[in-house]
Amino acid sequence: MAESGLRERKRQRMYEAVSDIAIGLFLEKGFDSVSVAEVAAAAEISKPTLFRYFPAKEDLVLYRFADHETEAARVVAGRPQAQSVTDALLEHFLDGLHRNDPVTGLNDHPNVLAFHRLLYGTPSLAARAYAYVERSEAALAEALGGGLDARLAAGQITAVRRVLALENWRRIAEGERAAEVRLDAEAAARRAFAGLAAGFAGLTALRGPDNPHASGVTE
């Protein structure tokens, strides 16, 4: 087990190192101006090795989202029994705002802003990012018990989180500081999740497959 854990840590370090090198090159020269061969050479690995880690060039950038792909699902699955889904996700989002987590859009560090400009300003990256959003939404729907109502709820939650983050990023990209946006961002999140909670009151079919009497999003 120790040897397996060591291999996994080495693998993760490789992912991070190659991704960081690639992003540095993309920020310097532009995504479309840097070839996969150039990234491989800079990372001192072969192209076949690079593709074993990153099946597509876009994944070199989007690897930074890997930990967030199932984040909402993990929050839902790990919440206290008495806490509602919407309260758990709101609490998590507010904590992200407090920590200036880049995924919330509330971060004005120059490197973060440059990364977001790269992501949203490159059509192929934005398109590839949509696949990550879809997988995140699917994982959340599974955590909510599966079924149509769970997918409807997951779609709405995913959209709210995305739009809130984009609005924060838009304001900062236009010149506001994170500290100036924070209070509005928190208020917007509270309004948005309150709206979700009200809307979910009618979704009664959110039940896990192994527990037909389990409660849904608003318990």
C-alpha atoms as a PDB file:
ATOM      1  CA  MET A   1       0.000   0.000   0.000  1.00  0.00           C
ATOM      2  CA  ALA A   2       2.871   2.380   0.801  1.00  0.00           C
ATOM      3  CA  GLU A   3       4.426   1.726  -2.609  1.00  0.00           C
ATOM      4  CA  SER A   4       1.086   2.302  -4.320  1.00  0.00           C
ATOM      5  CA  GLY A   5       0.654   5.581  -2.441  1.00  0.00           C
ATOM      6  CA  LEU A   6       4.136   6.705  -3.476  1.00  0.00           C
ATOM      7  CA  ARG A   7       3.383   5.966  -7.128  1.00  0.00           C
ATOM      8  CA  GLU A   8       0.178   7.967  -6.926  1.00  0.00           C
ATOM      9  CA  ARG A   9       1.944  10.955  -5.355  1.00  0.00           C
ATOM     10  CA  LYS A  10       4.570  10.858  -8.102  1.00  0.00           C
ATOM     11  CA  ARG A  11       1.811  10.689 -10.701  1.00  0.00           C
ATOM     12  CA  GLN A  12       0.054  13.696  -9.202  1.00  0.00           C
ATOM     13  CA  ARG A  13       3.309  15.663  -9.105  1.00  0.00           C
ATOM     14  CA  MET A  14       3.800  14.877 -12.779  1.00  0.00           C
ATOM     15  CA  TYR A  15       0.303  16.126 -13.605  1.00  0.00           C
ATOM     16  CA  GLU A  16       0.874  19.347 -11.691  1.00  0.00           C
ATOM     17  CA  ALA A  17       4.355  20.003 -13.082  1.00  0.00           C
ATOM     18  CA  VAL A  18       3.405  19.460 -16.721  1.00  0.00           C
ATOM     19  CA  SER A  19       0.188  21.469 -16.360  1.00  0.00           C
ATOM     20  CA  ASP A  20       2.062  24.368 -14.746  1.00  0.00           C
ATOM     21  CA  ILE A  21       4.676  24.366 -17.514  1.00  0.00           C
ATOM     22  CA  ALA A  22       2.002  24.303 -20.200  1.00  0.00           C
ATOM     23  CA  ILE A  23      -0.039  27.105 -18.652  1.00  0.00           C
ATOM     24  CA  GLY A  24       3.084  29.228 -18.345  1.00  0.00           C
ATOM     25  CA  LEU A  25       3.769  28.791 -22.059  1.00  0.00           C
ATOM     26  CA  PHE A  26       0.142  29.442 -23.016  1.00  0.00           C
ATOM     27  CA  LEU A  27       0.048  32.642 -20.965  1.00  0.00           C
ATOM     28  CA  GLU A  28       3.305  33.811 -22.512  1.00  0.00           C
ATOM     29  CA  LYS A  29       2.620  32.971 -26.170  1.00  0.00           C
ATOM     30  CA  GLY A  30      -1.072  32.206 -26.478  1.00  0.00           C
ATOM     31  CA  PHE A  31      -2.805  28.835 -26.401  1.00  0.00           C
ATOM     32  CA  ASP A  32      -2.972  28.370 -30.161  1.00  0.00           C
ATOM     33  CA  SER A  33       0.663  29.431 -30.658  1.00  0.00           C
ATOM     34  CA  VAL A  34       2.115  26.674 -28.474  1.00  0.00           C
ATOM     35  CA  SER A  35       2.259  23.110 -29.766  1.00  0.00           C
ATOM     36  CA  VAL A  36       1.962  19.959 -27.697  1.00  0.00           C
ATOM     37  CA  ALA A  37       5.496  19.085 -28.830  1.00  0.00           C
ATOM     38  CA  GLU A  38       6.739  22.363 -27.371  1.00  0.00           C
ATOM     39  CA  VAL A  39       5.072  21.619 -24.044  1.00  0.00           C
ATOM     40  CA  ALA A  40       6.536  18.109 -23.996  1.00  0.00           C
ATOM     41  CA  ALA A  41      10.011  19.457 -24.729  1.00  0.00           C
ATOM     42  CA  ALA A  42       9.744  22.067 -21.987  1.00  0.00           C
ATOM     43  CA  ALA A  43       8.582  19.378 -19.542  1.00  0.00           C
ATOM     44  CA  GLU A  44      11.362  17.038 -20.718  1.00  0.00           C
ATOM     45  CA  ILE A  45       8.987  14.211 -21.576  1.00  0.00           C
ATOM     46  CA  SER A  46       7.948  12.620 -24.870  1.00  0.00           C
ATOM     47  CA  LYS A  47       4.704  13.470 -26.654  1.00  0.00           C
ATOM     48  CA  PRO A  48       3.323   9.942 -26.091  1.00  0.00           C
ATOM     49  CA  THR A  49       4.026  10.303 -22.364  1.00  0.00           C
ATOM     50  CA  LEU A  50       2.300  13.692 -22.291  1.00  0.00           C
ATOM     51  CA  PHE A  51      -0.765  12.263 -23.998  1.00  0.00           C
ATOM     52  CA  ARG A  52      -0.925   9.429 -21.469  1.00  0.00           C
ATOM     53  CA  TYR A  53      -1.465  12.073 -18.802  1.00  0.00           C
ATOM     54  CA  PHE A  54      -3.447  14.595 -20.854  1.00  0.00           C
ATOM     55  CA  PRO A  55      -5.542  13.135 -23.691  1.00  0.00           C
ATOM     56  CA  ALA A  56      -6.153  16.585 -25.207  1.00  0.00           C
ATOM     57  CA  LYS A  57      -4.151  19.789 -25.314  1.00  0.00           C
ATOM     58  CA  GLU A  58      -6.986  21.606 -23.518  1.00  0.00           C
ATOM     59  CA  ASP A  59      -6.689  19.215 -20.571  1.00  0.00           C
ATOM     60  CA  LEU A  60      -3.277  20.727 -19.805  1.00  0.00           C
ATOM     61  CA  VAL A  61      -5.155  23.850 -18.708  1.00  0.00           C
ATOM     62  CA  LEU A  62      -8.327  22.315 -17.346  1.00  0.00           C
ATOM     63  CA  TYR A  63      -6.412  19.991 -15.038  1.00  0.00           C
ATOM     64  CA  ARG A  64      -6.594  22.843 -12.534  1.00  0.00           C
ATOM     65  CA  PHE A  65     -10.324  22.133 -12.279  1.00  0.00           C
ATOM     66  CA  ALA A  66      -9.876  18.415 -11.666  1.00  0.00           C
ATOM     67  CA  ASP A  67     -10.373  18.647  -7.898  1.00  0.00           C
ATOM     68  CA  HIS A  68     -13.531  20.702  -8.366  1.00  0.00           C
ATOM     69  CA  GLU A  69     -15.279  18.357 -10.768  1.00  0.00           C
ATOM     70  CA  THR A  70     -17.056  16.366  -8.047  1.00  0.00           C
ATOM     71  CA  GLU A  71     -16.896  19.087  -5.384  1.00  0.00           C
ATOM     72  CA  ALA A  72     -20.638  19.811  -5.192  1.00  0.00           C
ATOM     73  CA  ALA A  73     -21.405  16.078  -5.074  1.00  0.00           C
ATOM     74  CA  ARG A  74     -18.943  15.627  -2.199  1.00  0.00           C
ATOM     75  CA  VAL A  75     -20.515  18.514  -0.285  1.00  0.00           C
ATOM     76  CA  VAL A  76     -23.967  16.995  -0.675  1.00  0.00           C
ATOM     77  CA  ALA A  77     -22.853  13.494   0.253  1.00  0.00           C
ATOM     78  CA  GLY A  78     -20.869  14.661   3.273  1.00  0.00           C
ATOM     79  CA  ARG A  79     -23.323  17.145   4.761  1.00  0.00           C
ATOM     80  CA  PRO A  80     -24.802  16.597   8.247  1.00  0.00           C
ATOM     81  CA  GLN A  81     -28.084  14.696   8.154  1.00  0.00           C
ATOM     82  CA  ALA A  82     -30.065  17.653   9.459  1.00  0.00           C
ATOM     83  CA  GLN A  83     -28.640  20.121   6.928  1.00  0.00           C
ATOM     84  CA  SER A  84     -30.431  20.774   3.639  1.00  0.00           C
ATOM     85  CA  VAL A  85     -28.650  20.419   0.329  1.00  0.00           C
ATOM     86  CA  THR A  86     -29.051  24.103  -0.467  1.00  0.00           C
ATOM     87  CA  ASP A  87     -27.767  25.187   2.955  1.00  0.00           C
ATOM     88  CA  ALA A  88     -24.740  22.906   2.616  1.00  0.00           C
ATOM     89  CA  LEU A  89     -23.899  24.200  -0.851  1.00  0.00           C
ATOM     90  CA  LEU A  90     -24.445  27.836   0.173  1.00  0.00           C
ATOM     91  CA  GLU A  91     -22.181  27.386   3.186  1.00  0.00           C
ATOM     92  CA  HIS A  92     -19.541  25.848   0.941  1.00  0.00           C
ATOM     93  CA  PHE A  93     -19.789  28.662  -1.616  1.00  0.00           C
ATOM     94  CA  LEU A  94     -19.589  31.346   1.072  1.00  0.00           C
ATOM     95  CA  ASP A  95     -16.523  29.637   2.509  1.00  0.00           C
ATOM     96  CA  GLY A  96     -14.984  29.731  -0.966  1.00  0.00           C
ATOM     97  CA  LEU A  97     -15.677  33.463  -1.174  1.00  0.00           C
ATOM     98  CA  HIS A  98     -14.080  33.966   2.227  1.00  0.00           C
ATOM     99  CA  ARG A  99     -10.953  32.110   1.044  1.00  0.00           C
ATOM    100  CA  ASN A 100     -10.883  33.923  -2.321  1.00  0.00           C
ATOM    101  CA  ASP A 101     -11.073  30.532  -4.003  1.00  0.00           C
ATOM    102  CA  PRO A 102     -10.548  31.206  -7.735  1.00  0.00           C
ATOM    103  CA  VAL A 103     -13.397  28.835  -8.579  1.00  0.00           C
ATOM    104  CA  THR A 104     -15.834  31.373  -7.060  1.00  0.00           C
ATOM    105  CA  GLY A 105     -14.486  34.108  -9.344  1.00  0.00           C
ATOM    106  CA  LEU A 106     -13.631  36.260  -6.311  1.00  0.00           C
ATOM    107  CA  ASN A 107      -9.879  36.490  -6.711  1.00  0.00           C
ATOM    108  CA  ASP A 108      -7.958  39.457  -8.073  1.00  0.00           C
ATOM    109  CA  HIS A 109      -4.455  37.983  -8.054  1.00  0.00           C
ATOM    110  CA  PRO A 110      -2.821  38.809 -11.421  1.00  0.00           C
ATOM    111  CA  ASN A 111      -1.993  35.147 -12.093  1.00  0.00           C
ATOM    112  CA  VAL A 112      -5.591  34.096 -11.472  1.00  0.00           C
ATOM    113  CA  LEU A 113      -6.930  36.859 -13.707  1.00  0.00           C
ATOM    114  CA  ALA A 114      -4.495  35.864 -16.450  1.00  0.00           C
ATOM    115  CA  PHE A 115      -5.597  32.240 -16.163  1.00  0.00           C
ATOM    116  CA  HIS A 116      -9.272  33.194 -16.417  1.00  0.00           C
ATOM    117  CA  ARG A 117      -8.585  35.388 -19.458  1.00  0.00           C
ATOM    118  CA  LEU A 118      -6.807  32.449 -21.056  1.00  0.00           C
ATOM    119  CA  LEU A 119      -9.700  30.102 -20.269  1.00  0.00           C
ATOM    120  CA  TYR A 120     -12.616  32.314 -21.278  1.00  0.00           C
ATOM    121  CA  GLY A 121     -10.760  33.938 -24.168  1.00  0.00           C
ATOM    122  CA  THR A 122      -9.866  30.671 -25.920  1.00  0.00           C
ATOM    123  CA  PRO A 123     -12.869  29.070 -27.678  1.00  0.00           C
ATOM    124  CA  SER A 124     -11.488  25.522 -27.589  1.00  0.00           C
ATOM    125  CA  LEU A 125     -10.791  25.792 -23.854  1.00  0.00           C
ATOM    126  CA  ALA A 126     -14.243  27.186 -23.131  1.00  0.00           C
ATOM    127  CA  ALA A 127     -15.805  24.361 -25.144  1.00  0.00           C
ATOM    128  CA  ARG A 128     -13.722  21.715 -23.391  1.00  0.00           C
ATOM    129  CA  ALA A 129     -14.630  23.226 -20.011  1.00  0.00           C
ATOM    130  CA  TYR A 130     -18.280  22.486 -20.788  1.00  0.00           C
ATOM    131  CA  ALA A 131     -17.517  18.765 -20.573  1.00  0.00           C
ATOM    132  CA  TYR A 132     -16.188  19.297 -17.062  1.00  0.00           C
ATOM    133  CA  VAL A 133     -19.393  21.128 -16.143  1.00  0.00           C
ATOM    134  CA  GLU A 134     -21.479  18.266 -17.517  1.00  0.00           C
ATOM    135  CA  ARG A 135     -19.564  15.685 -15.484  1.00  0.00           C
ATOM    136  CA  SER A 136     -19.862  17.820 -12.358  1.00  0.00           C
ATOM    137  CA  GLU A 137     -23.598  18.112 -12.908  1.00  0.00           C
ATOM    138  CA  ALA A 138     -23.932  14.353 -13.443  1.00  0.00           C
ATOM    139  CA  ALA A 139     -22.001  13.596 -10.242  1.00  0.00           C
ATOM    140  CA  LEU A 140     -24.229  15.983  -8.296  1.00  0.00           C
ATOM    141  CA  ALA A 141     -27.378  14.417  -9.722  1.00  0.00           C
ATOM    142  CA  GLU A 142     -26.118  11.007  -8.601  1.00  0.00           C
ATOM    143  CA  ALA A 143     -25.433  12.361  -5.105  1.00  0.00           C
ATOM    144  CA  LEU A 144     -29.001  13.671  -5.037  1.00  0.00           C
ATOM    145  CA  GLY A 145     -30.322  10.192  -5.720  1.00  0.00           C
ATOM    146  CA  GLY A 146     -30.605  10.049  -9.500  1.00  0.00           C
ATOM    147  CA  GLY A 147     -33.785  10.325 -11.502  1.00  0.00           C
ATOM    148  CA  LEU A 148     -35.325  13.259 -13.347  1.00  0.00           C
ATOM    149  CA  ASP A 149     -35.910  15.469 -10.314  1.00  0.00           C
ATOM    150  CA  ALA A 150     -32.316  14.967  -9.207  1.00  0.00           C
ATOM    151  CA  ARG A 151     -31.065  15.926 -12.674  1.00  0.00           C
ATOM    152  CA  LEU A 152     -33.299  18.990 -12.722  1.00  0.00           C
ATOM    153  CA  ALA A 153     -32.010  20.067  -9.325  1.00  0.00           C
ATOM    154  CA  ALA A 154     -28.390  19.396 -10.261  1.00  0.00           C
ATOM    155  CA  GLY A 155     -28.752  21.433 -13.437  1.00  0.00           C
ATOM    156  CA  GLN A 156     -30.130  24.413 -11.535  1.00  0.00           C
ATOM    157  CA  ILE A 157     -27.491  24.219  -8.797  1.00  0.00           C
ATOM    158  CA  THR A 158     -24.694  23.954 -11.339  1.00  0.00           C
ATOM    159  CA  ALA A 159     -26.030  26.934 -13.283  1.00  0.00           C
ATOM    160  CA  VAL A 160     -26.309  29.074 -10.145  1.00  0.00           C
ATOM    161  CA  ARG A 161     -22.764  28.302  -9.032  1.00  0.00           C
ATOM    162  CA  ARG A 162     -21.413  29.009 -12.530  1.00  0.00           C
ATOM    163  CA  VAL A 163     -23.282  32.293 -13.007  1.00  0.00           C
ATOM    164  CA  LEU A 164     -22.315  33.577  -9.552  1.00  0.00           C
ATOM    165  CA  ALA A 165     -18.652  32.847 -10.253  1.00  0.00           C
ATOM    166  CA  LEU A 166     -18.785  34.429 -13.708  1.00  0.00           C
ATOM    167  CA  GLU A 167     -20.385  37.588 -12.334  1.00  0.00           C
ATOM    168  CA  ASN A 168     -17.650  37.918  -9.703  1.00  0.00           C
ATOM    169  CA  TRP A 169     -14.961  37.364 -12.314  1.00  0.00           C
ATOM    170  CA  ARG A 170     -16.590  39.850 -14.724  1.00  0.00           C
ATOM    171  CA  ARG A 171     -16.582  42.635 -12.146  1.00  0.00           C
ATOM    172  CA  ILE A 172     -12.982  41.990 -11.156  1.00  0.00           C
ATOM    173  CA  ALA A 173     -11.897  41.724 -14.792  1.00  0.00           C
ATOM    174  CA  GLU A 174     -13.448  45.159 -15.341  1.00  0.00           C
ATOM    175  CA  GLY A 175     -11.266  46.661 -12.629  1.00  0.00           C
ATOM    176  CA  GLU A 176     -12.948  46.164  -9.245  1.00  0.00           C
ATOM    177  CA  ARG A 177     -11.012  44.661  -6.373  1.00  0.00           C
ATOM    178  CA  ALA A 178     -12.107  41.423  -4.712  1.00  0.00           C
ATOM    179  CA  ALA A 179     -12.638  43.281  -1.435  1.00  0.00           C
ATOM    180  CA  GLU A 180     -15.051  45.656  -3.188  1.00  0.00           C
ATOM    181  CA  VAL A 181     -17.058  42.817  -4.711  1.00  0.00           C
ATOM    182  CA  ARG A 182     -17.185  40.545  -1.665  1.00  0.00           C
ATOM    183  CA  LEU A 183     -20.310  41.850   0.101  1.00  0.00           C
ATOM    184  CA  ASP A 184     -22.327  41.886  -3.122  1.00  0.00           C
ATOM    185  CA  ALA A 185     -21.056  38.403  -3.963  1.00  0.00           C
ATOM    186  CA  GLU A 186     -22.148  37.048  -0.594  1.00  0.00           C
ATOM    187  CA  ALA A 187     -25.566  38.701  -0.862  1.00  0.00           C
ATOM    188  CA  ALA A 188     -26.050  37.384  -4.393  1.00  0.00           C
ATOM    189  CA  ALA A 189     -25.157  33.863  -3.288  1.00  0.00           C
ATOM    190  CA  ARG A 190     -27.638  33.994  -0.413  1.00  0.00           C
ATOM    191  CA  ARG A 191     -30.425  35.211  -2.742  1.00  0.00           C
ATOM    192  CA  ALA A 192     -29.625  32.627  -5.382  1.00  0.00           C
ATOM    193  CA  PHE A 193     -29.573  29.674  -3.013  1.00  0.00           C
ATOM    194  CA  ALA A 194     -32.739  30.896  -1.252  1.00  0.00           C
ATOM    195  CA  GLY A 195     -34.400  30.858  -4.653  1.00  0.00           C
ATOM    196  CA  LEU A 196     -33.160  27.327  -5.260  1.00  0.00           C
ATOM    197  CA  ALA A 197     -34.507  26.163  -1.903  1.00  0.00           C
ATOM    198  CA  ALA A 198     -37.922  27.636  -2.663  1.00  0.00           C
ATOM    199  CA  GLY A 199     -37.993  26.046  -6.092  1.00  0.00           C
ATOM    200  CA  PHE A 200     -36.941  22.651  -4.814  1.00  0.00           C
ATOM    201  CA  ALA A 201     -39.866  22.491  -2.391  1.00  0.00           C
ATOM    202  CA  GLY A 202     -41.916  20.855  -5.131  1.00  0.00           C
ATOM    203  CA  LEU A 203     -39.292  18.281  -6.100  1.00  0.00           C
ATOM    204  CA  THR A 204     -40.339  15.295  -4.034  1.00  0.00           C
ATOM    205  CA  ALA A 205     -38.884  12.432  -6.076  1.00  0.00           C
ATOM    206  CA  LEU A 206     -35.222  12.881  -5.104  1.00  0.00           C
ATOM    207  CA  ARG A 207     -34.630   9.449  -3.616  1.00  0.00           C
ATOM    208  CA  GLY A 208     -31.562   7.263  -3.571  1.00  0.00           C
ATOM    209  CA  PRO A 209     -31.840   3.968  -5.471  1.00  0.00           C
ATOM    210  CA  ASP A 210     -31.132   1.890  -2.369  1.00  0.00           C
ATOM    211  CA  ASN A 211     -33.397   3.845  -0.030  1.00  0.00           C
ATOM    212  CA  PRO A 212     -36.762   4.653  -1.636  1.00  0.00           C
ATOM    213  CA  HIS A 213     -37.852   6.575   1.494  1.00  0.00           C
ATOM    214  CA  ALA A 214     -34.800   8.831   1.581  1.00  0.00           C
ATOM    215  CA  SER A 215     -35.497  12.537   1.537  1.00  0.00           C
ATOM    216  CA  GLY A 216     -34.533  14.895  -1.242  1.00  0.00           C
ATOM    217  CA  VAL A 217     -32.872  18.248  -1.597  1.00  0.00           C
ATOM    218  CA  THR A 218     -34.793  20.243   0.960  1.00  0.00           C
ATOM    219  CA  GLU A 219     -34.621  17.963   3.977  1.00  0.00           C
END
